[in-house]
N, C-alpha and C. Protein backbone atom coordinates (compact mmCIF):
# COMPACT_ATOMS: atom_id res chain seq x y z
N UNK A 1 57.04 3.90 -109.54
CA UNK A 1 57.27 3.91 -108.24
C UNK A 1 57.57 5.03 -107.76
N UNK A 2 57.17 5.59 -106.55
CA UNK A 2 57.07 6.89 -106.04
C UNK A 2 58.33 7.32 -105.04
N UNK A 3 58.89 8.25 -104.88
CA UNK A 3 59.95 8.50 -104.46
C UNK A 3 59.71 8.47 -102.77
N UNK A 4 60.65 7.75 -101.76
CA UNK A 4 60.29 8.05 -100.36
C UNK A 4 61.21 9.59 -100.14
N UNK A 5 60.93 9.82 -98.92
CA UNK A 5 61.97 11.02 -98.25
C UNK A 5 62.88 10.73 -98.36
N UNK A 6 63.43 9.46 -97.81
CA UNK A 6 64.80 9.00 -97.87
C UNK A 6 65.93 9.09 -99.13
N UNK A 7 65.42 8.99 -100.27
CA UNK A 7 65.91 8.85 -101.52
C UNK A 7 66.49 10.54 -101.74
N UNK A 8 65.65 11.42 -101.91
CA UNK A 8 66.07 12.92 -102.19
C UNK A 8 66.81 13.12 -101.10
N UNK A 9 66.43 12.78 -99.64
CA UNK A 9 67.69 13.33 -98.69
C UNK A 9 68.89 12.82 -98.92
N UNK A 10 69.12 11.47 -99.40
CA UNK A 10 70.48 10.89 -99.28
C UNK A 10 70.82 11.77 -100.46
N UNK A 11 70.39 11.95 -101.85
CA UNK A 11 70.91 12.79 -102.89
C UNK A 11 71.34 14.14 -102.53
N UNK A 12 70.66 14.74 -101.68
CA UNK A 12 70.93 16.08 -101.29
C UNK A 12 71.93 16.30 -100.34
N UNK A 13 72.25 15.44 -99.49
CA UNK A 13 73.60 14.88 -98.75
C UNK A 13 75.07 15.39 -99.67
N UNK A 14 74.74 14.85 -101.18
CA UNK A 14 75.87 14.56 -101.53
C UNK A 14 76.12 15.78 -102.43
N UNK A 15 75.20 16.79 -102.46
CA UNK A 15 75.38 18.24 -103.08
C UNK A 15 76.57 19.15 -102.55
N UNK A 16 77.02 19.83 -102.89
CA UNK A 16 77.81 20.98 -102.26
C UNK A 16 77.19 21.92 -101.58
N UNK A 17 77.54 22.00 -100.25
CA UNK A 17 77.07 22.52 -99.18
C UNK A 17 75.99 24.15 -99.77
N UNK A 18 76.46 24.60 -100.84
CA UNK A 18 75.91 26.20 -101.46
C UNK A 18 74.62 25.22 -101.99
N UNK A 19 74.62 24.56 -103.00
CA UNK A 19 73.64 23.75 -103.63
C UNK A 19 72.55 23.46 -102.55
N UNK A 20 73.09 22.57 -101.48
CA UNK A 20 71.93 22.10 -100.76
C UNK A 20 71.20 23.28 -99.93
N UNK A 21 72.18 24.37 -99.60
CA UNK A 21 71.30 25.73 -99.15
C UNK A 21 70.21 26.16 -100.13
N UNK A 22 70.58 26.07 -101.43
CA UNK A 22 69.73 27.11 -102.22
C UNK A 22 68.62 25.90 -102.59
N UNK A 23 68.73 24.51 -102.43
CA UNK A 23 67.58 23.62 -102.64
C UNK A 23 66.59 23.91 -101.25
N UNK A 24 67.20 24.07 -100.16
CA UNK A 24 66.38 24.40 -99.09
C UNK A 24 65.58 25.66 -99.09
N UNK A 25 66.41 26.70 -99.44
CA UNK A 25 65.78 27.81 -99.93
C UNK A 25 64.34 27.68 -100.89
N UNK A 26 64.81 26.80 -101.83
CA UNK A 26 63.72 26.88 -102.97
C UNK A 26 62.88 26.04 -102.43
N UNK A 27 62.48 25.19 -101.46
CA UNK A 27 61.39 24.40 -100.66
C UNK A 27 61.00 25.16 -99.91
N UNK A 28 61.57 26.24 -99.10
CA UNK A 28 60.86 26.98 -97.82
C UNK A 28 60.26 27.87 -98.85
N UNK A 29 60.64 28.20 -99.81
CA UNK A 29 59.73 29.43 -100.42
C UNK A 29 58.54 28.95 -101.36
N UNK A 30 58.72 27.70 -101.78
CA UNK A 30 57.67 26.92 -102.61
C UNK A 30 56.63 26.71 -101.34
N UNK A 31 57.14 26.31 -100.49
CA UNK A 31 56.15 25.52 -99.14
C UNK A 31 55.08 26.69 -98.55
N UNK A 32 56.14 27.98 -98.36
CA UNK A 32 55.61 28.85 -97.32
C UNK A 32 55.22 30.38 -98.21
N UNK A 33 55.50 30.14 -99.80
CA UNK A 33 55.26 31.65 -100.38
C UNK A 33 53.73 32.03 -100.32
N UNK A 34 52.68 31.03 -100.23
CA UNK A 34 51.33 31.39 -100.10
C UNK A 34 50.98 31.27 -99.07
N UNK A 35 50.79 32.22 -98.30
CA UNK A 35 49.99 32.30 -96.77
C UNK A 35 48.69 31.63 -96.86
N UNK A 36 48.43 30.75 -95.41
CA UNK A 36 47.02 30.28 -95.59
C UNK A 36 46.12 31.28 -95.09
N UNK A 37 45.22 31.51 -96.00
CA UNK A 37 44.12 32.43 -95.56
C UNK A 37 43.68 32.40 -94.15
N UNK A 38 43.22 31.37 -93.47
CA UNK A 38 42.76 31.31 -92.11
C UNK A 38 43.76 31.95 -91.18
N UNK A 39 44.98 31.75 -91.44
CA UNK A 39 46.10 32.25 -90.68
C UNK A 39 46.28 33.47 -90.86
N UNK A 40 46.22 34.19 -91.68
CA UNK A 40 46.14 35.57 -92.14
C UNK A 40 45.11 36.30 -91.63
N UNK A 41 44.02 35.85 -91.60
CA UNK A 41 42.54 36.11 -91.31
C UNK A 41 42.67 36.31 -89.44
N UNK A 42 43.55 35.58 -88.93
CA UNK A 42 43.48 35.23 -87.75
C UNK A 42 44.56 36.45 -87.48
N UNK A 43 45.54 36.59 -87.82
CA UNK A 43 46.39 37.61 -87.50
C UNK A 43 46.01 38.68 -87.46
N UNK A 44 45.13 39.05 -88.81
CA UNK A 44 44.49 40.45 -88.92
C UNK A 44 43.47 40.61 -87.66
N UNK A 45 42.96 39.98 -86.94
CA UNK A 45 41.96 39.90 -86.07
C UNK A 45 42.81 40.13 -84.86
N UNK A 46 44.02 39.36 -84.52
CA UNK A 46 44.63 39.42 -83.58
C UNK A 46 45.31 41.00 -83.56
N UNK A 47 45.92 41.42 -84.62
CA UNK A 47 46.57 42.95 -84.84
C UNK A 47 45.49 43.97 -84.36
N UNK A 48 44.26 43.88 -84.85
CA UNK A 48 43.18 44.47 -84.40
C UNK A 48 43.09 44.60 -82.98
N UNK A 49 42.86 43.43 -82.42
CA UNK A 49 42.39 43.37 -80.81
C UNK A 49 43.61 44.14 -80.43
N UNK A 50 45.21 44.13 -80.92
CA UNK A 50 45.90 44.51 -79.94
C UNK A 50 46.33 46.02 -80.13
N UNK A 51 45.74 46.48 -81.27
CA UNK A 51 45.63 47.91 -81.60
C UNK A 51 44.63 48.68 -80.73
N UNK A 52 43.63 48.04 -80.61
CA UNK A 52 42.41 48.52 -79.89
C UNK A 52 43.01 48.62 -78.61
N UNK A 53 43.50 47.72 -77.86
CA UNK A 53 44.18 47.57 -76.54
C UNK A 53 45.03 48.86 -76.48
N UNK A 54 45.93 49.24 -77.27
CA UNK A 54 46.85 50.23 -77.32
C UNK A 54 45.87 51.68 -77.04
N UNK A 55 45.11 51.45 -78.15
CA UNK A 55 44.89 52.69 -78.43
C UNK A 55 43.82 53.28 -77.15
N UNK A 56 43.05 52.15 -76.42
CA UNK A 56 42.06 52.47 -75.36
C UNK A 56 43.15 52.43 -74.23
N UNK A 57 44.29 52.40 -74.05
CA UNK A 57 44.97 52.62 -72.68
C UNK A 57 45.31 51.32 -72.03
N UNK A 58 44.34 50.33 -72.59
CA UNK A 58 44.26 49.02 -71.72
C UNK A 58 45.67 48.65 -71.48
N UNK A 59 46.39 48.59 -72.34
CA UNK A 59 48.00 48.11 -72.29
C UNK A 59 48.93 49.14 -72.75
N UNK A 60 50.33 49.24 -72.11
CA UNK A 60 51.05 50.04 -72.44
C UNK A 60 52.21 49.23 -73.56
N UNK A 61 52.74 50.21 -74.46
CA UNK A 61 53.80 49.66 -75.07
C UNK A 61 55.10 49.62 -74.22
N UNK A 62 56.06 48.80 -74.74
CA UNK A 62 57.11 49.10 -74.08
C UNK A 62 58.11 49.23 -75.42
N UNK A 63 59.19 50.56 -74.87
CA UNK A 63 59.90 50.66 -76.14
C UNK A 63 60.95 49.47 -76.62
N UNK A 64 61.07 49.45 -78.11
CA UNK A 64 61.91 48.15 -78.40
C UNK A 64 63.40 48.07 -77.78
N UNK A 65 63.90 49.47 -77.59
CA UNK A 65 65.23 49.64 -77.23
C UNK A 65 65.18 48.77 -75.55
N UNK A 66 64.24 48.86 -74.65
CA UNK A 66 64.01 48.25 -73.63
C UNK A 66 63.79 46.82 -73.49
N UNK A 67 63.06 46.64 -74.54
CA UNK A 67 62.71 45.15 -74.90
C UNK A 67 64.37 44.10 -74.94
N UNK A 68 64.93 44.86 -75.85
CA UNK A 68 66.09 44.26 -76.54
C UNK A 68 67.22 44.37 -75.35
N UNK A 69 67.40 45.24 -74.42
CA UNK A 69 67.82 45.38 -73.29
C UNK A 69 67.72 44.01 -72.48
N UNK A 70 66.52 43.82 -72.05
CA UNK A 70 66.16 42.72 -71.42
C UNK A 70 66.35 41.41 -71.95
N UNK A 71 66.12 41.71 -72.95
CA UNK A 71 66.77 40.15 -73.90
C UNK A 71 68.19 39.91 -73.89
N UNK A 72 68.88 41.20 -74.08
CA UNK A 72 70.39 40.61 -74.02
C UNK A 72 70.74 40.19 -72.55
N UNK A 73 70.03 41.06 -71.56
CA UNK A 73 70.28 40.61 -70.34
C UNK A 73 70.03 39.18 -69.96
N UNK A 74 68.81 38.71 -70.30
CA UNK A 74 68.66 37.14 -70.30
C UNK A 74 69.50 36.13 -71.06
N UNK A 75 69.88 36.63 -72.24
CA UNK A 75 70.55 35.87 -72.92
C UNK A 75 72.00 35.84 -72.50
N UNK A 76 72.49 36.96 -71.76
CA UNK A 76 73.84 37.08 -71.40
C UNK A 76 74.64 37.54 -72.31
N UNK A 77 74.04 38.68 -73.14
CA UNK A 77 74.69 39.44 -74.15
C UNK A 77 75.41 40.58 -73.62
């Protein structure tokens, strides 16, 4: 008999909070530790495209401090 998602979920809810968090960390690491080659390749192309735009002067960068100041203003910090 195979497990349903409800069974391990119900058991996990009985764990102490620290152990449940550790289990979540392990699941996330296991799930996302090996990047998808197609996604990695797509990001590589995107990085190359953006770098070419910056180097050609087609776009200008915005200083990180300015970006963060605008974000803080938007979220009310």
